Amino acid sequence: MAGTFLGMLVLAGAPWAAFSLGGVLFGAWQRGAFLWPSPVNTFVHALAAHYRPGRGPWMFWGSLMTLLGLASAC
């Protein structure tokens, strides 16, 4: 159970931590496929304010399919 929890924590937190750290060190970063394995990304892009503009649907469905693929692989 501890291994599963650690795996979930890494998938959910590590991409966002790296994204935030990169934003602090190098300025604003664009969100891309790097954040797709994170369930946080899926929840953020499911909100109406993020889903409507520009790449919102692409980010949501890409993240959801990535998570589905990871779950199927496990």
PDB file of N, CA and C in Angstrom:
ATOM      1  N   MET A   1       0.826  -1.183   0.000  1.00  0.00           N
ATOM      2  CA  MET A   1       0.000   0.000   0.000  1.00  0.00           C
ATOM      3  C   MET A   1       0.872   1.248   0.000  1.00  0.00           C
ATOM      4  N   ALA A   2       1.983   1.191   0.703  1.00  0.00           N
ATOM      5  CA  ALA A   2       2.865   2.352   0.749  1.00  0.00           C
ATOM      6  C   ALA A   2       3.453   2.642  -0.628  1.00  0.00           C
ATOM      7  N   GLY A   3       3.788   1.595  -1.371  1.00  0.00           N
ATOM      8  CA  GLY A   3       4.316   1.778  -2.721  1.00  0.00           C
ATOM      9  C   GLY A   3       3.292   2.389  -3.659  1.00  0.00           C
ATOM     10  N   THR A   4       2.053   1.935  -3.544  1.00  0.00           N
ATOM     11  CA  THR A   4       0.986   2.490  -4.357  1.00  0.00           C
ATOM     12  C   THR A   4       0.750   3.954  -4.025  1.00  0.00           C
ATOM     13  N   PHE A   5       0.746   4.259  -2.732  1.00  0.00           N
ATOM     14  CA  PHE A   5       0.552   5.645  -2.311  1.00  0.00           C
ATOM     15  C   PHE A   5       1.701   6.519  -2.821  1.00  0.00           C
ATOM     16  N   LEU A   6       2.925   6.024  -2.734  1.00  0.00           N
ATOM     17  CA  LEU A   6       4.069   6.787  -3.218  1.00  0.00           C
ATOM     18  C   LEU A   6       3.979   7.002  -4.728  1.00  0.00           C
ATOM     19  N   GLY A   7       3.576   5.974  -5.454  1.00  0.00           N
ATOM     20  CA  GLY A   7       3.402   6.112  -6.900  1.00  0.00           C
ATOM     21  C   GLY A   7       2.351   7.140  -7.256  1.00  0.00           C
ATOM     22  N   MET A   8       1.239   7.124  -6.543  1.00  0.00           N
ATOM     23  CA  MET A   8       0.185   8.112  -6.786  1.00  0.00           C
ATOM     24  C   MET A   8       0.661   9.516  -6.452  1.00  0.00           C
ATOM     25  N   LEU A   9       1.390   9.643  -5.369  1.00  0.00           N
ATOM     26  CA  LEU A   9       1.908  10.938  -4.962  1.00  0.00           C
ATOM     27  C   LEU A   9       2.890  11.493  -5.987  1.00  0.00           C
ATOM     28  N   VAL A  10       3.747  10.619  -6.501  1.00  0.00           N
ATOM     29  CA  VAL A  10       4.719  11.050  -7.509  1.00  0.00           C
ATOM     30  C   VAL A  10       4.008  11.467  -8.792  1.00  0.00           C
ATOM     31  N   LEU A  11       3.041  10.676  -9.255  1.00  0.00           N
ATOM     32  CA  LEU A  11       2.322  11.022 -10.485  1.00  0.00           C
ATOM     33  C   LEU A  11       1.503  12.302 -10.334  1.00  0.00           C
ATOM     34  N   ALA A  12       0.935  12.509  -9.163  1.00  0.00           N
ATOM     35  CA  ALA A  12       0.097  13.692  -8.956  1.00  0.00           C
ATOM     36  C   ALA A  12       0.924  14.929  -8.635  1.00  0.00           C
ATOM     37  N   GLY A  13       1.984  14.763  -7.866  1.00  0.00           N
ATOM     38  CA  GLY A  13       2.697  15.928  -7.366  1.00  0.00           C
ATOM     39  C   GLY A  13       3.964  16.313  -8.111  1.00  0.00           C
ATOM     40  N   ALA A  14       4.715  15.341  -8.595  1.00  0.00           N
ATOM     41  CA  ALA A  14       6.016  15.639  -9.210  1.00  0.00           C
ATOM     42  C   ALA A  14       5.901  16.524 -10.455  1.00  0.00           C
ATOM     43  N   PRO A  15       4.980  16.252 -11.394  1.00  0.00           N
ATOM     44  CA  PRO A  15       4.894  17.140 -12.555  1.00  0.00           C
ATOM     45  C   PRO A  15       4.523  18.577 -12.174  1.00  0.00           C
ATOM     46  N   TRP A  16       3.606  18.718 -11.214  1.00  0.00           N
ATOM     47  CA  TRP A  16       3.215  20.071 -10.801  1.00  0.00           C
ATOM     48  C   TRP A  16       4.332  20.758 -10.043  1.00  0.00           C
ATOM     49  N   ALA A  17       5.089  20.026  -9.245  1.00  0.00           N
ATOM     50  CA  ALA A  17       6.220  20.622  -8.529  1.00  0.00           C
ATOM     51  C   ALA A  17       7.290  21.076  -9.522  1.00  0.00           C
ATOM     52  N   ALA A  18       7.596  20.247 -10.514  1.00  0.00           N
ATOM     53  CA  ALA A  18       8.584  20.619 -11.520  1.00  0.00           C
ATOM     54  C   ALA A  18       8.094  21.804 -12.355  1.00  0.00           C
ATOM     55  N   PHE A  19       6.818  21.813 -12.688  1.00  0.00           N
ATOM     56  CA  PHE A  19       6.230  22.915 -13.448  1.00  0.00           C
ATOM     57  C   PHE A  19       6.314  24.215 -12.655  1.00  0.00           C
ATOM     58  N   SER A  20       5.993  24.158 -11.370  1.00  0.00           N
ATOM     59  CA  SER A  20       6.043  25.349 -10.520  1.00  0.00           C
ATOM     60  C   SER A  20       7.475  25.828 -10.328  1.00  0.00           C
ATOM     61  N   LEU A  21       8.388  24.898 -10.102  1.00  0.00           N
ATOM     62  CA  LEU A  21       9.795  25.255  -9.929  1.00  0.00           C
ATOM     63  C   LEU A  21      10.350  25.864 -11.217  1.00  0.00           C
ATOM     64  N   GLY A  22      10.000  25.292 -12.339  1.00  0.00           N
ATOM     65  CA  GLY A  22      10.438  25.852 -13.622  1.00  0.00           C
ATOM     66  C   GLY A  22       9.867  27.231 -13.859  1.00  0.00           C
ATOM     67  N   GLY A  23       8.630  27.456 -13.430  1.00  0.00           N
ATOM     68  CA  GLY A  23       8.030  28.780 -13.559  1.00  0.00           C
ATOM     69  C   GLY A  23       8.750  29.813 -12.711  1.00  0.00           C
ATOM     70  N   VAL A  24       9.178  29.410 -11.529  1.00  0.00           N
ATOM     71  CA  VAL A  24       9.907  30.322 -10.645  1.00  0.00           C
ATOM     72  C   VAL A  24      11.298  30.611 -11.200  1.00  0.00           C
ATOM     73  N   LEU A  25      11.973  29.574 -11.686  1.00  0.00           N
ATOM     74  CA  LEU A  25      13.348  29.737 -12.153  1.00  0.00           C
ATOM     75  C   LEU A  25      13.453  30.375 -13.538  1.00  0.00           C
ATOM     76  N   PHE A  26      12.566  29.999 -14.445  1.00  0.00           N
ATOM     77  CA  PHE A  26      12.702  30.424 -15.836  1.00  0.00           C
ATOM     78  C   PHE A  26      11.577  31.320 -16.329  1.00  0.00           C
ATOM     79  N   GLY A  27      10.689  31.754 -15.480  1.00  0.00           N
ATOM     80  CA  GLY A  27       9.546  32.541 -15.906  1.00  0.00           C
ATOM     81  C   GLY A  27       8.361  31.645 -16.207  1.00  0.00           C
ATOM     82  N   ALA A  28       7.381  32.177 -16.879  1.00  0.00           N
ATOM     83  CA  ALA A  28       6.150  31.437 -17.153  1.00  0.00           C
ATOM     84  C   ALA A  28       6.406  30.318 -18.164  1.00  0.00           C
ATOM     85  N   TRP A  29       5.979  29.121 -17.839  1.00  0.00           N
ATOM     86  CA  TRP A  29       6.058  27.972 -18.744  1.00  0.00           C
ATOM     87  C   TRP A  29       4.675  27.706 -19.297  1.00  0.00           C
ATOM     88  N   GLN A  30       4.633  27.170 -20.495  1.00  0.00           N
ATOM     89  CA  GLN A  30       3.361  26.734 -21.047  1.00  0.00           C
ATOM     90  C   GLN A  30       3.074  25.326 -20.580  1.00  0.00           C
ATOM     91  N   ARG A  31       1.830  25.076 -20.271  1.00  0.00           N
ATOM     92  CA  ARG A  31       1.439  23.714 -19.897  1.00  0.00           C
ATOM     93  C   ARG A  31       1.418  22.866 -21.154  1.00  0.00           C
ATOM     94  N   GLY A  32       1.923  21.689 -21.048  1.00  0.00           N
ATOM     95  CA  GLY A  32       1.957  20.800 -22.194  1.00  0.00           C
ATOM     96  C   GLY A  32       1.711  19.371 -21.760  1.00  0.00           C
ATOM     97  N   ALA A  33       2.126  18.456 -22.590  1.00  0.00           N
ATOM     98  CA  ALA A  33       1.919  17.040 -22.315  1.00  0.00           C
ATOM     99  C   ALA A  33       2.702  16.574 -21.094  1.00  0.00           C
ATOM    100  N   PHE A  34       3.659  17.387 -20.630  1.00  0.00           N
ATOM    101  CA  PHE A  34       4.431  17.054 -19.432  1.00  0.00           C
ATOM    102  C   PHE A  34       3.526  16.859 -18.218  1.00  0.00           C
ATOM    103  N   LEU A  35       2.418  17.588 -18.153  1.00  0.00           N
ATOM    104  CA  LEU A  35       1.516  17.509 -17.004  1.00  0.00           C
ATOM    105  C   LEU A  35       0.393  16.482 -17.180  1.00  0.00           C
ATOM    106  N   TRP A  36       0.314  15.825 -18.315  1.00  0.00           N
ATOM    107  CA  TRP A  36      -0.781  14.894 -18.561  1.00  0.00           C
ATOM    108  C   TRP A  36      -0.875  13.740 -17.578  1.00  0.00           C
ATOM    109  N   PRO A  37       0.212  13.163 -17.075  1.00  0.00           N
ATOM    110  CA  PRO A  37       0.065  12.043 -16.136  1.00  0.00           C
ATOM    111  C   PRO A  37      -0.471  12.456 -14.762  1.00  0.00           C
ATOM    112  N   SER A  38      -0.608  13.731 -14.510  1.00  0.00           N
ATOM    113  CA  SER A  38      -1.065  14.190 -13.209  1.00  0.00           C
ATOM    114  C   SER A  38      -2.587  14.308 -13.170  1.00  0.00           C
ATOM    115  N   PRO A  39      -3.253  13.638 -12.213  1.00  0.00           N
ATOM    116  CA  PRO A  39      -4.702  13.784 -12.086  1.00  0.00           C
ATOM    117  C   PRO A  39      -5.115  15.212 -11.752  1.00  0.00           C
ATOM    118  N   VAL A  40      -4.228  15.965 -11.139  1.00  0.00           N
ATOM    119  CA  VAL A  40      -4.518  17.364 -10.830  1.00  0.00           C
ATOM    120  C   VAL A  40      -4.768  18.136 -12.120  1.00  0.00           C
ATOM    121  N   ASN A  41      -3.988  17.855 -13.148  1.00  0.00           N
ATOM    122  CA  ASN A  41      -4.158  18.513 -14.440  1.00  0.00           C
ATOM    123  C   ASN A  41      -5.538  18.222 -15.022  1.00  0.00           C
ATOM    124  N   THR A  42      -5.990  16.994 -14.906  1.00  0.00           N
ATOM    125  CA  THR A  42      -7.310  16.633 -15.417  1.00  0.00           C
ATOM    126  C   THR A  42      -8.399  17.400 -14.692  1.00  0.00           C
ATOM    127  N   PHE A  43      -8.309  17.467 -13.378  1.00  0.00           N
ATOM    128  CA  PHE A  43      -9.317  18.194 -12.612  1.00  0.00           C
ATOM    129  C   PHE A  43      -9.290  19.683 -12.908  1.00  0.00           C
ATOM    130  N   VAL A  44      -8.111  20.261 -13.058  1.00  0.00           N
ATOM    131  CA  VAL A  44      -8.006  21.696 -13.348  1.00  0.00           C
ATOM    132  C   VAL A  44      -8.628  22.011 -14.702  1.00  0.00           C
ATOM    133  N   HIS A  45      -8.367  21.188 -15.699  1.00  0.00           N
ATOM    134  CA  HIS A  45      -8.891  21.459 -17.035  1.00  0.00           C
ATOM    135  C   HIS A  45     -10.340  21.017 -17.225  1.00  0.00           C
ATOM    136  N   ALA A  46     -10.919  20.360 -16.254  1.00  0.00           N
ATOM    137  CA  ALA A  46     -12.342  20.013 -16.328  1.00  0.00           C
ATOM    138  C   ALA A  46     -13.217  21.215 -15.961  1.00  0.00           C
ATOM    139  N   LEU A  47     -12.644  22.189 -15.282  1.00  0.00           N
ATOM    140  CA  LEU A  47     -13.394  23.381 -14.906  1.00  0.00           C
ATOM    141  C   LEU A  47     -13.728  24.203 -16.148  1.00  0.00           C
ATOM    142  N   ALA A  48     -14.893  24.828 -16.158  1.00  0.00           N
ATOM    143  CA  ALA A  48     -15.364  25.567 -17.325  1.00  0.00           C
ATOM    144  C   ALA A  48     -14.415  26.681 -17.737  1.00  0.00           C
ATOM    145  N   ALA A  49     -13.806  27.359 -16.776  1.00  0.00           N
ATOM    146  CA  ALA A  49     -12.908  28.474 -17.099  1.00  0.00           C
ATOM    147  C   ALA A  49     -11.671  27.993 -17.849  1.00  0.00           C
ATOM    148  N   HIS A  50     -11.220  26.772 -17.617  1.00  0.00           N
ATOM    149  CA  HIS A  50     -10.039  26.239 -18.296  1.00  0.00           C
ATOM    150  C   HIS A  50     -10.415  25.412 -19.528  1.00  0.00           C
ATOM    151  N   TYR A  51     -11.631  24.873 -19.559  1.00  0.00           N
ATOM    152  CA  TYR A  51     -12.012  23.980 -20.656  1.00  0.00           C
ATOM    153  C   TYR A  51     -12.319  24.753 -21.929  1.00  0.00           C
ATOM    154  N   ARG A  52     -12.949  25.889 -21.808  1.00  0.00           N
ATOM    155  CA  ARG A  52     -13.408  26.631 -22.988  1.00  0.00           C
ATOM    156  C   ARG A  52     -12.291  27.212 -23.855  1.00  0.00           C
ATOM    157  N   PRO A  53     -11.366  27.997 -23.281  1.00  0.00           N
ATOM    158  CA  PRO A  53     -10.443  28.735 -24.153  1.00  0.00           C
ATOM    159  C   PRO A  53      -9.350  27.863 -24.768  1.00  0.00           C
ATOM    160  N   GLY A  54      -9.047  28.132 -26.018  1.00  0.00           N
ATOM    161  CA  GLY A  54      -7.901  27.552 -26.720  1.00  0.00           C
ATOM    162  C   GLY A  54      -7.727  26.060 -26.623  1.00  0.00           C
ATOM    163  N   ARG A  55      -6.689  25.642 -25.915  1.00  0.00           N
ATOM    164  CA  ARG A  55      -6.311  24.239 -25.846  1.00  0.00           C
ATOM    165  C   ARG A  55      -6.926  23.516 -24.659  1.00  0.00           C
ATOM    166  N   GLY A  56      -7.908  24.080 -24.014  1.00  0.00           N
ATOM    167  CA  GLY A  56      -8.522  23.465 -22.841  1.00  0.00           C
ATOM    168  C   GLY A  56      -9.047  22.058 -23.072  1.00  0.00           C
ATOM    169  N   PRO A  57      -9.876  21.858 -24.110  1.00  0.00           N
ATOM    170  CA  PRO A  57     -10.369  20.495 -24.358  1.00  0.00           C
ATOM    171  C   PRO A  57      -9.235  19.519 -24.679  1.00  0.00           C
ATOM    172  N   TRP A  58      -8.243  19.983 -25.446  1.00  0.00           N
ATOM    173  CA  TRP A  58      -7.109  19.129 -25.791  1.00  0.00           C
ATOM    174  C   TRP A  58      -6.349  18.706 -24.543  1.00  0.00           C
ATOM    175  N   MET A  59      -6.128  19.641 -23.624  1.00  0.00           N
ATOM    176  CA  MET A  59      -5.405  19.334 -22.390  1.00  0.00           C
ATOM    177  C   MET A  59      -6.209  18.385 -21.506  1.00  0.00           C
ATOM    178  N   PHE A  60      -7.522  18.599 -21.411  1.00  0.00           N
ATOM    179  CA  PHE A  60      -8.362  17.735 -20.577  1.00  0.00           C
ATOM    180  C   PHE A  60      -8.390  16.315 -21.114  1.00  0.00           C
ATOM    181  N   TRP A  61      -8.740  16.157 -22.396  1.00  0.00           N
ATOM    182  CA  TRP A  61      -8.890  14.810 -22.950  1.00  0.00           C
ATOM    183  C   TRP A  61      -7.549  14.096 -23.084  1.00  0.00           C
ATOM    184  N   GLY A  62      -6.491  14.833 -23.374  1.00  0.00           N
ATOM    185  CA  GLY A  62      -5.166  14.228 -23.425  1.00  0.00           C
ATOM    186  C   GLY A  62      -4.745  13.688 -22.067  1.00  0.00           C
ATOM    187  N   SER A  63      -5.009  14.488 -21.036  1.00  0.00           N
ATOM    188  CA  SER A  63      -4.675  14.062 -19.682  1.00  0.00           C
ATOM    189  C   SER A  63      -5.526  12.866 -19.263  1.00  0.00           C
ATOM    190  N   LEU A  64      -6.788  12.913 -19.573  1.00  0.00           N
ATOM    191  CA  LEU A  64      -7.689  11.816 -19.197  1.00  0.00           C
ATOM    192  C   LEU A  64      -7.285  10.511 -19.892  1.00  0.00           C
ATOM    193  N   MET A  65      -6.952  10.584 -21.191  1.00  0.00           N
ATOM    194  CA  MET A  65      -6.547   9.379 -21.910  1.00  0.00           C
ATOM    195  C   MET A  65      -5.198   8.860 -21.408  1.00  0.00           C
ATOM    196  N   THR A  66      -4.301   9.757 -21.029  1.00  0.00           N
ATOM    197  CA  THR A  66      -3.015   9.334 -20.469  1.00  0.00           C
ATOM    198  C   THR A  66      -3.227   8.593 -19.154  1.00  0.00           C
ATOM    199  N   LEU A  67      -4.089   9.138 -18.309  1.00  0.00           N
ATOM    200  CA  LEU A  67      -4.389   8.473 -17.034  1.00  0.00           C
ATOM    201  C   LEU A  67      -5.079   7.135 -17.257  1.00  0.00           C
ATOM    202  N   LEU A  68      -5.961   7.059 -18.234  1.00  0.00           N
ATOM    203  CA  LEU A  68      -6.627   5.793 -18.567  1.00  0.00           C
ATOM    204  C   LEU A  68      -5.600   4.766 -19.043  1.00  0.00           C
ATOM    205  N   GLY A  69      -4.662   5.199 -19.875  1.00  0.00           N
ATOM    206  CA  GLY A  69      -3.615   4.297 -20.351  1.00  0.00           C
ATOM    207  C   GLY A  69      -2.718   3.810 -19.202  1.00  0.00           C
ATOM    208  N   LEU A  70      -2.348   4.723 -18.306  1.00  0.00           N
ATOM    209  CA  LEU A  70      -1.536   4.324 -17.152  1.00  0.00           C
ATOM    210  C   LEU A  70      -2.284   3.343 -16.256  1.00  0.00           C
ATOM    211  N   ALA A  71      -3.574   3.605 -16.028  1.00  0.00           N
ATOM    212  CA  ALA A  71      -4.373   2.710 -15.194  1.00  0.00           C
ATOM    213  C   ALA A  71      -4.500   1.340 -15.846  1.00  0.00           C
ATOM    214  N   SER A  72      -4.698   1.299 -17.155  1.00  0.00           N
ATOM    215  CA  SER A  72      -4.804   0.024 -17.869  1.00  0.00           C
ATOM    216  C   SER A  72      -3.479  -0.742 -17.815  1.00  0.00           C
ATOM    217  N   ALA A  73      -2.376  -0.017 -17.921  1.00  0.00           N
ATOM    218  CA  ALA A  73      -1.072  -0.667 -17.879  1.00  0.00           C
ATOM    219  C   ALA A  73      -0.786  -1.265 -16.504  1.00  0.00           C
ATOM    220  N   CYS A  74      -1.258  -0.579 -15.481  1.00  0.00           N
ATOM    221  CA  CYS A  74      -1.035  -1.089 -14.125  1.00  0.00           C
ATOM    222  C   CYS A  74      -1.937  -2.276 -13.853  1.00  0.00           C
TER     223      CYS A  74
END
